[in-house]
Amino acid sequence: KKVGEEMQALPQMQNRIIEPPYLASIKGFADDGIKVSVQAKTNAAAQWKTRSEFYRLLQKAFEKNKIKLVGQESK
């Protein structure tokens, strides 16, 4: 939620995002993590750029908080 709110506050996102990305539901559990659904409302023309930017910011937040994704090599 925090990443979505921070993203919506970015000047380049002001006209793209109608509602910031948020955790919509947990899709399932596994031995190595969980699958979640993240949703947002964007202008139709901006959905793919918005998704890419969200993933980039989410990855930075994971790194900052020392959250490792499955398949990532140790640094």
PDB file of N, CA and C in Angstrom:
ATOM      1  N   LYS A   1       0.836  -1.193   0.000  1.00  0.00           N
ATOM      2  CA  LYS A   1       0.000   0.000   0.000  1.00  0.00           C
ATOM      3  C   LYS A   1       0.876   1.251   0.000  1.00  0.00           C
ATOM      4  N   LYS A   2       1.927   1.203   0.806  1.00  0.00           N
ATOM      5  CA  LYS A   2       2.816   2.364   0.913  1.00  0.00           C
ATOM      6  C   LYS A   2       3.474   2.673  -0.428  1.00  0.00           C
ATOM      7  N   VAL A   3       3.943   1.642  -1.122  1.00  0.00           N
ATOM      8  CA  VAL A   3       4.577   1.847  -2.431  1.00  0.00           C
ATOM      9  C   VAL A   3       3.568   2.448  -3.408  1.00  0.00           C
ATOM     10  N   GLY A   4       2.340   1.967  -3.395  1.00  0.00           N
ATOM     11  CA  GLY A   4       1.304   2.507  -4.271  1.00  0.00           C
ATOM     12  C   GLY A   4       1.013   3.968  -3.995  1.00  0.00           C
ATOM     13  N   GLU A   5       0.942   4.328  -2.726  1.00  0.00           N
ATOM     14  CA  GLU A   5       0.692   5.726  -2.360  1.00  0.00           C
ATOM     15  C   GLU A   5       1.862   6.620  -2.752  1.00  0.00           C
ATOM     16  N   GLU A   6       3.080   6.126  -2.530  1.00  0.00           N
ATOM     17  CA  GLU A   6       4.267   6.896  -2.926  1.00  0.00           C
ATOM     18  C   GLU A   6       4.306   7.072  -4.441  1.00  0.00           C
ATOM     19  N   MET A   7       3.925   6.026  -5.138  1.00  0.00           N
ATOM     20  CA  MET A   7       3.924   6.084  -6.592  1.00  0.00           C
ATOM     21  C   MET A   7       2.914   7.107  -7.104  1.00  0.00           C
ATOM     22  N   GLN A   8       1.734   7.125  -6.525  1.00  0.00           N
ATOM     23  CA  GLN A   8       0.703   8.065  -6.961  1.00  0.00           C
ATOM     24  C   GLN A   8       1.142   9.512  -6.726  1.00  0.00           C
ATOM     25  N   ALA A   9       1.990   9.746  -5.735  1.00  0.00           N
ATOM     26  CA  ALA A   9       2.453  11.096  -5.422  1.00  0.00           C
ATOM     27  C   ALA A   9       3.528  11.602  -6.387  1.00  0.00           C
ATOM     28  N   LEU A  10       4.122  10.712  -7.182  1.00  0.00           N
ATOM     29  CA  LEU A  10       5.157  11.132  -8.126  1.00  0.00           C
ATOM     30  C   LEU A  10       4.554  12.027  -9.210  1.00  0.00           C
ATOM     31  N   PRO A  11       5.231  13.128  -9.538  1.00  0.00           N
ATOM     32  CA  PRO A  11       4.693  14.053 -10.551  1.00  0.00           C
ATOM     33  C   PRO A  11       4.370  13.385 -11.883  1.00  0.00           C
ATOM     34  N   GLN A  12       5.228  12.462 -12.350  1.00  0.00           N
ATOM     35  CA  GLN A  12       4.988  11.816 -13.637  1.00  0.00           C
ATOM     36  C   GLN A  12       3.804  10.852 -13.603  1.00  0.00           C
ATOM     37  N   MET A  13       3.289  10.537 -12.423  1.00  0.00           N
ATOM     38  CA  MET A  13       2.153   9.613 -12.300  1.00  0.00           C
ATOM     39  C   MET A  13       0.824  10.339 -12.054  1.00  0.00           C
ATOM     40  N   GLN A  14       0.863  11.635 -11.859  1.00  0.00           N
ATOM     41  CA  GLN A  14      -0.332  12.391 -11.497  1.00  0.00           C
ATOM     42  C   GLN A  14      -1.501  12.174 -12.454  1.00  0.00           C
ATOM     43  N   ASN A  15      -1.255  12.105 -13.747  1.00  0.00           N
ATOM     44  CA  ASN A  15      -2.327  11.957 -14.726  1.00  0.00           C
ATOM     45  C   ASN A  15      -2.545  10.513 -15.156  1.00  0.00           C
ATOM     46  N   ARG A  16      -1.803   9.588 -14.580  1.00  0.00           N
ATOM     47  CA  ARG A  16      -1.923   8.181 -14.956  1.00  0.00           C
ATOM     48  C   ARG A  16      -2.760   7.370 -13.974  1.00  0.00           C
ATOM     49  N   ILE A  17      -2.596   7.632 -12.687  1.00  0.00           N
ATOM     50  CA  ILE A  17      -3.198   6.792 -11.659  1.00  0.00           C
ATOM     51  C   ILE A  17      -4.482   7.424 -11.123  1.00  0.00           C
ATOM     52  N   ILE A  18      -5.557   6.655 -11.154  1.00  0.00           N
ATOM     53  CA  ILE A  18      -6.832   7.091 -10.591  1.00  0.00           C
ATOM     54  C   ILE A  18      -6.916   6.650  -9.132  1.00  0.00           C
ATOM     55  N   GLU A  19      -6.548   5.389  -8.857  1.00  0.00           N
ATOM     56  CA  GLU A  19      -6.430   4.854  -7.498  1.00  0.00           C
ATOM     57  C   GLU A  19      -5.089   4.142  -7.409  1.00  0.00           C
ATOM     58  N   PRO A  20      -4.318   4.362  -6.335  1.00  0.00           N
ATOM     59  CA  PRO A  20      -2.995   3.749  -6.248  1.00  0.00           C
ATOM     60  C   PRO A  20      -3.081   2.227  -6.126  1.00  0.00           C
ATOM     61  N   PRO A  21      -2.016   1.525  -6.519  1.00  0.00           N
ATOM     62  CA  PRO A  21      -1.980   0.071  -6.365  1.00  0.00           C
ATOM     63  C   PRO A  21      -2.156  -0.327  -4.899  1.00  0.00           C
ATOM     64  N   TYR A  22      -2.885  -1.431  -4.691  1.00  0.00           N
ATOM     65  CA  TYR A  22      -3.127  -1.938  -3.343  1.00  0.00           C
ATOM     66  C   TYR A  22      -3.226  -3.461  -3.390  1.00  0.00           C
ATOM     67  N   LEU A  23      -2.999  -4.085  -2.251  1.00  0.00           N
ATOM     68  CA  LEU A  23      -3.122  -5.531  -2.132  1.00  0.00           C
ATOM     69  C   LEU A  23      -4.604  -5.875  -2.152  1.00  0.00           C
ATOM     70  N   ALA A  24      -5.046  -6.540  -3.209  1.00  0.00           N
ATOM     71  CA  ALA A  24      -6.461  -6.873  -3.360  1.00  0.00           C
ATOM     72  C   ALA A  24      -6.810  -8.177  -2.647  1.00  0.00           C
ATOM     73  N   SER A  25      -5.917  -9.175  -2.742  1.00  0.00           N
ATOM     74  CA  SER A  25      -6.195 -10.452  -2.081  1.00  0.00           C
ATOM     75  C   SER A  25      -4.944 -11.316  -2.071  1.00  0.00           C
ATOM     76  N   ILE A  26      -4.976 -12.319  -1.220  1.00  0.00           N
ATOM     77  CA  ILE A  26      -3.947 -13.349  -1.209  1.00  0.00           C
ATOM     78  C   ILE A  26      -4.481 -14.486  -2.054  1.00  0.00           C
ATOM     79  N   LYS A  27      -3.718 -14.871  -3.075  1.00  0.00           N
ATOM     80  CA  LYS A  27      -4.156 -15.896  -4.027  1.00  0.00           C
ATOM     81  C   LYS A  27      -3.784 -17.304  -3.598  1.00  0.00           C
ATOM     82  N   GLY A  28      -2.761 -17.436  -2.763  1.00  0.00           N
ATOM     83  CA  GLY A  28      -2.378 -18.770  -2.324  1.00  0.00           C
ATOM     84  C   GLY A  28      -1.077 -18.770  -1.552  1.00  0.00           C
ATOM     85  N   PHE A  29      -0.828 -19.880  -0.878  1.00  0.00           N
ATOM     86  CA  PHE A  29       0.384 -20.069  -0.095  1.00  0.00           C
ATOM     87  C   PHE A  29       1.211 -21.201  -0.691  1.00  0.00           C
ATOM     88  N   ALA A  30       2.517 -21.125  -0.506  1.00  0.00           N
ATOM     89  CA  ALA A  30       3.430 -22.168  -0.946  1.00  0.00           C
ATOM     90  C   ALA A  30       4.553 -22.259   0.067  1.00  0.00           C
ATOM     91  N   ASP A  31       5.390 -23.298  -0.068  1.00  0.00           N
ATOM     92  CA  ASP A  31       6.523 -23.451   0.853  1.00  0.00           C
ATOM     93  C   ASP A  31       7.487 -22.285   0.774  1.00  0.00           C
ATOM     94  N   ASP A  32       7.568 -21.656  -0.406  1.00  0.00           N
ATOM     95  CA  ASP A  32       8.552 -20.595  -0.607  1.00  0.00           C
ATOM     96  C   ASP A  32       7.947 -19.194  -0.644  1.00  0.00           C
ATOM     97  N   GLY A  33       6.679 -19.024  -0.287  1.00  0.00           N
ATOM     98  CA  GLY A  33       6.098 -17.679  -0.254  1.00  0.00           C
ATOM     99  C   GLY A  33       4.607 -17.685  -0.473  1.00  0.00           C
ATOM    100  N   ILE A  34       4.092 -16.537  -0.858  1.00  0.00           N
ATOM    101  CA  ILE A  34       2.669 -16.389  -1.129  1.00  0.00           C
ATOM    102  C   ILE A  34       2.478 -15.696  -2.474  1.00  0.00           C
ATOM    103  N   LYS A  35       1.305 -15.906  -3.068  1.00  0.00           N
ATOM    104  CA  LYS A  35       0.937 -15.205  -4.287  1.00  0.00           C
ATOM    105  C   LYS A  35      -0.150 -14.209  -3.920  1.00  0.00           C
ATOM    106  N   VAL A  36       0.024 -12.977  -4.377  1.00  0.00           N
ATOM    107  CA  VAL A  36      -0.940 -11.936  -4.064  1.00  0.00           C
ATOM    108  C   VAL A  36      -1.453 -11.286  -5.344  1.00  0.00           C
ATOM    109  N   SER A  37      -2.589 -10.671  -5.227  1.00  0.00           N
ATOM    110  CA  SER A  37      -3.155  -9.892  -6.328  1.00  0.00           C
ATOM    111  C   SER A  37      -3.081  -8.419  -5.941  1.00  0.00           C
ATOM    112  N   VAL A  38      -2.453  -7.632  -6.797  1.00  0.00           N
ATOM    113  CA  VAL A  38      -2.360  -6.197  -6.592  1.00  0.00           C
ATOM    114  C   VAL A  38      -3.183  -5.528  -7.684  1.00  0.00           C
ATOM    115  N   GLN A  39      -4.032  -4.590  -7.292  1.00  0.00           N
ATOM    116  CA  GLN A  39      -4.867  -3.897  -8.264  1.00  0.00           C
ATOM    117  C   GLN A  39      -4.696  -2.394  -8.129  1.00  0.00           C
ATOM    118  N   ALA A  40      -4.995  -1.707  -9.221  1.00  0.00           N
ATOM    119  CA  ALA A  40      -4.959  -0.244  -9.262  1.00  0.00           C
ATOM    120  C   ALA A  40      -5.911   0.211 -10.350  1.00  0.00           C
ATOM    121  N   LYS A  41      -6.295   1.459 -10.294  1.00  0.00           N
ATOM    122  CA  LYS A  41      -7.081   2.041 -11.379  1.00  0.00           C
ATOM    123  C   LYS A  41      -6.210   3.083 -12.061  1.00  0.00           C
ATOM    124  N   THR A  42      -6.051   2.901 -13.381  1.00  0.00           N
ATOM    125  CA  THR A  42      -5.235   3.824 -14.156  1.00  0.00           C
ATOM    126  C   THR A  42      -5.996   4.249 -15.399  1.00  0.00           C
ATOM    127  N   ASN A  43      -5.484   5.266 -16.047  1.00  0.00           N
ATOM    128  CA  ASN A  43      -5.990   5.583 -17.375  1.00  0.00           C
ATOM    129  C   ASN A  43      -5.595   4.421 -18.277  1.00  0.00           C
ATOM    130  N   ALA A  44      -6.489   4.029 -19.169  1.00  0.00           N
ATOM    131  CA  ALA A  44      -6.248   2.847 -20.006  1.00  0.00           C
ATOM    132  C   ALA A  44      -4.929   2.927 -20.772  1.00  0.00           C
ATOM    133  N   ALA A  45      -4.596   4.070 -21.267  1.00  0.00           N
ATOM    134  CA  ALA A  45      -3.375   4.223 -22.061  1.00  0.00           C
ATOM    135  C   ALA A  45      -2.115   4.093 -21.203  1.00  0.00           C
ATOM    136  N   ALA A  46      -2.253   4.194 -19.891  1.00  0.00           N
ATOM    137  CA  ALA A  46      -1.083   4.199 -19.014  1.00  0.00           C
ATOM    138  C   ALA A  46      -0.907   2.911 -18.222  1.00  0.00           C
ATOM    139  N   GLN A  47      -1.755   1.921 -18.433  1.00  0.00           N
ATOM    140  CA  GLN A  47      -1.733   0.752 -17.551  1.00  0.00           C
ATOM    141  C   GLN A  47      -0.407   0.000 -17.567  1.00  0.00           C
ATOM    142  N   TRP A  48       0.215  -0.176 -18.728  1.00  0.00           N
ATOM    143  CA  TRP A  48       1.446  -0.965 -18.794  1.00  0.00           C
ATOM    144  C   TRP A  48       2.638  -0.198 -18.232  1.00  0.00           C
ATOM    145  N   LYS A  49       2.721   1.094 -18.512  1.00  0.00           N
ATOM    146  CA  LYS A  49       3.806   1.902 -17.940  1.00  0.00           C
ATOM    147  C   LYS A  49       3.650   1.987 -16.421  1.00  0.00           C
ATOM    148  N   THR A  50       2.413   2.096 -15.962  1.00  0.00           N
ATOM    149  CA  THR A  50       2.146   2.173 -14.528  1.00  0.00           C
ATOM    150  C   THR A  50       2.540   0.862 -13.858  1.00  0.00           C
ATOM    151  N   ARG A  51       2.195  -0.252 -14.469  1.00  0.00           N
ATOM    152  CA  ARG A  51       2.550  -1.557 -13.916  1.00  0.00           C
ATOM    153  C   ARG A  51       4.064  -1.710 -13.823  1.00  0.00           C
ATOM    154  N   SER A  52       4.777  -1.344 -14.874  1.00  0.00           N
ATOM    155  CA  SER A  52       6.236  -1.448 -14.868  1.00  0.00           C
ATOM    156  C   SER A  52       6.852  -0.583 -13.776  1.00  0.00           C
ATOM    157  N   GLU A  53       6.350   0.627 -13.629  1.00  0.00           N
ATOM    158  CA  GLU A  53       6.871   1.529 -12.590  1.00  0.00           C
ATOM    159  C   GLU A  53       6.576   0.977 -11.200  1.00  0.00           C
ATOM    160  N   PHE A  54       5.393   0.414 -11.015  1.00  0.00           N
ATOM    161  CA  PHE A  54       5.050  -0.179  -9.714  1.00  0.00           C
ATOM    162  C   PHE A  54       6.004  -1.320  -9.377  1.00  0.00           C
ATOM    163  N   TYR A  55       6.269  -2.209 -10.339  1.00  0.00           N
ATOM    164  CA  TYR A  55       7.196  -3.313 -10.095  1.00  0.00           C
ATOM    165  C   TYR A  55       8.583  -2.799  -9.743  1.00  0.00           C
ATOM    166  N   ARG A  56       9.030  -1.762 -10.431  1.00  0.00           N
ATOM    167  CA  ARG A  56      10.353  -1.191 -10.151  1.00  0.00           C
ATOM    168  C   ARG A  56      10.413  -0.637  -8.727  1.00  0.00           C
ATOM    169  N   LEU A  57       9.400   0.118  -8.333  1.00  0.00           N
ATOM    170  CA  LEU A  57       9.371   0.695  -6.986  1.00  0.00           C
ATOM    171  C   LEU A  57       9.198  -0.376  -5.916  1.00  0.00           C
ATOM    172  N   LEU A  58       8.421  -1.410  -6.215  1.00  0.00           N
ATOM    173  CA  LEU A  58       8.228  -2.496  -5.262  1.00  0.00           C
ATOM    174  C   LEU A  58       9.537  -3.252  -5.041  1.00  0.00           C
ATOM    175  N   GLN A  59      10.282  -3.483  -6.113  1.00  0.00           N
ATOM    176  CA  GLN A  59      11.573  -4.156  -5.981  1.00  0.00           C
ATOM    177  C   GLN A  59      12.518  -3.330  -5.109  1.00  0.00           C
ATOM    178  N   LYS A  60      12.541  -2.017  -5.308  1.00  0.00           N
ATOM    179  CA  LYS A  60      13.383  -1.145  -4.477  1.00  0.00           C
ATOM    180  C   LYS A  60      12.965  -1.228  -3.008  1.00  0.00           C
ATOM    181  N   ALA A  61      11.650  -1.271  -2.747  1.00  0.00           N
ATOM    182  CA  ALA A  61      11.147  -1.367  -1.366  1.00  0.00           C
ATOM    183  C   ALA A  61      11.553  -2.707  -0.749  1.00  0.00           C
ATOM    184  N   PHE A  62      11.491  -3.792  -1.539  1.00  0.00           N
ATOM    185  CA  PHE A  62      11.926  -5.096  -1.032  1.00  0.00           C
ATOM    186  C   PHE A  62      13.409  -5.051  -0.667  1.00  0.00           C
ATOM    187  N   GLU A  63      14.222  -4.499  -1.535  1.00  0.00           N
ATOM    188  CA  GLU A  63      15.656  -4.410  -1.265  1.00  0.00           C
ATOM    189  C   GLU A  63      15.925  -3.573  -0.017  1.00  0.00           C
ATOM    190  N   LYS A  64      15.257  -2.447   0.093  1.00  0.00           N
ATOM    191  CA  LYS A  64      15.439  -1.556   1.245  1.00  0.00           C
ATOM    192  C   LYS A  64      15.082  -2.261   2.555  1.00  0.00           C
ATOM    193  N   ASN A  65      14.062  -3.116   2.520  1.00  0.00           N
ATOM    194  CA  ASN A  65      13.590  -3.813   3.714  1.00  0.00           C
ATOM    195  C   ASN A  65      14.139  -5.230   3.840  1.00  0.00           C
ATOM    196  N   LYS A  66      15.152  -5.547   2.991  1.00  0.00           N
ATOM    197  CA  LYS A  66      15.837  -6.839   3.023  1.00  0.00           C
ATOM    198  C   LYS A  66      14.875  -8.019   2.842  1.00  0.00           C
ATOM    199  N   ILE A  67      13.929  -7.861   1.920  1.00  0.00           N
ATOM    200  CA  ILE A  67      12.999  -8.929   1.570  1.00  0.00           C
ATOM    201  C   ILE A  67      13.525  -9.567   0.294  1.00  0.00           C
ATOM    202  N   LYS A  68      13.815 -10.856   0.358  1.00  0.00           N
ATOM    203  CA  LYS A  68      14.368 -11.561  -0.795  1.00  0.00           C
ATOM    204  C   LYS A  68      13.245 -12.290  -1.532  1.00  0.00           C
ATOM    205  N   LEU A  69      13.293 -12.210  -2.850  1.00  0.00           N
ATOM    206  CA  LEU A  69      12.334 -12.917  -3.693  1.00  0.00           C
ATOM    207  C   LEU A  69      12.895 -14.285  -4.051  1.00  0.00           C
ATOM    208  N   VAL A  70      12.020 -15.243  -4.237  1.00  0.00           N
ATOM    209  CA  VAL A  70      12.440 -16.580  -4.624  1.00  0.00           C
ATOM    210  C   VAL A  70      13.195 -16.502  -5.944  1.00  0.00           C
ATOM    211  N   GLY A  71      14.320 -17.178  -6.008  1.00  0.00           N
ATOM    212  CA  GLY A  71      15.097 -17.188  -7.238  1.00  0.00           C
ATOM    213  C   GLY A  71      16.149 -16.097  -7.303  1.00  0.00           C
ATOM    214  N   GLN A  72      16.122 -15.142  -6.368  1.00  0.00           N
ATOM    215  CA  GLN A  72      17.141 -14.103  -6.377  1.00  0.00           C
ATOM    216  C   GLN A  72      18.420 -14.651  -5.776  1.00  0.00           C
ATOM    217  N   GLU A  73      19.531 -14.312  -6.389  1.00  0.00           N
ATOM    218  CA  GLU A  73      20.820 -14.710  -5.837  1.00  0.00           C
ATOM    219  C   GLU A  73      21.153 -13.852  -4.643  1.00  0.00           C
ATOM    220  N   SER A  74      21.879 -14.421  -3.689  1.00  0.00           N
ATOM    221  CA  SER A  74      22.328 -13.655  -2.524  1.00  0.00           C
ATOM    222  C   SER A  74      23.341 -12.629  -2.960  1.00  0.00           C
ATOM    223  N   LYS A  75      23.263 -11.457  -2.361  1.00  0.00           N
ATOM    224  CA  LYS A  75      24.225 -10.395  -2.680  1.00  0.00           C
ATOM    225  C   LYS A  75      25.255 -10.273  -1.605  1.00  0.00           C
TER     226      LYS A  75
END
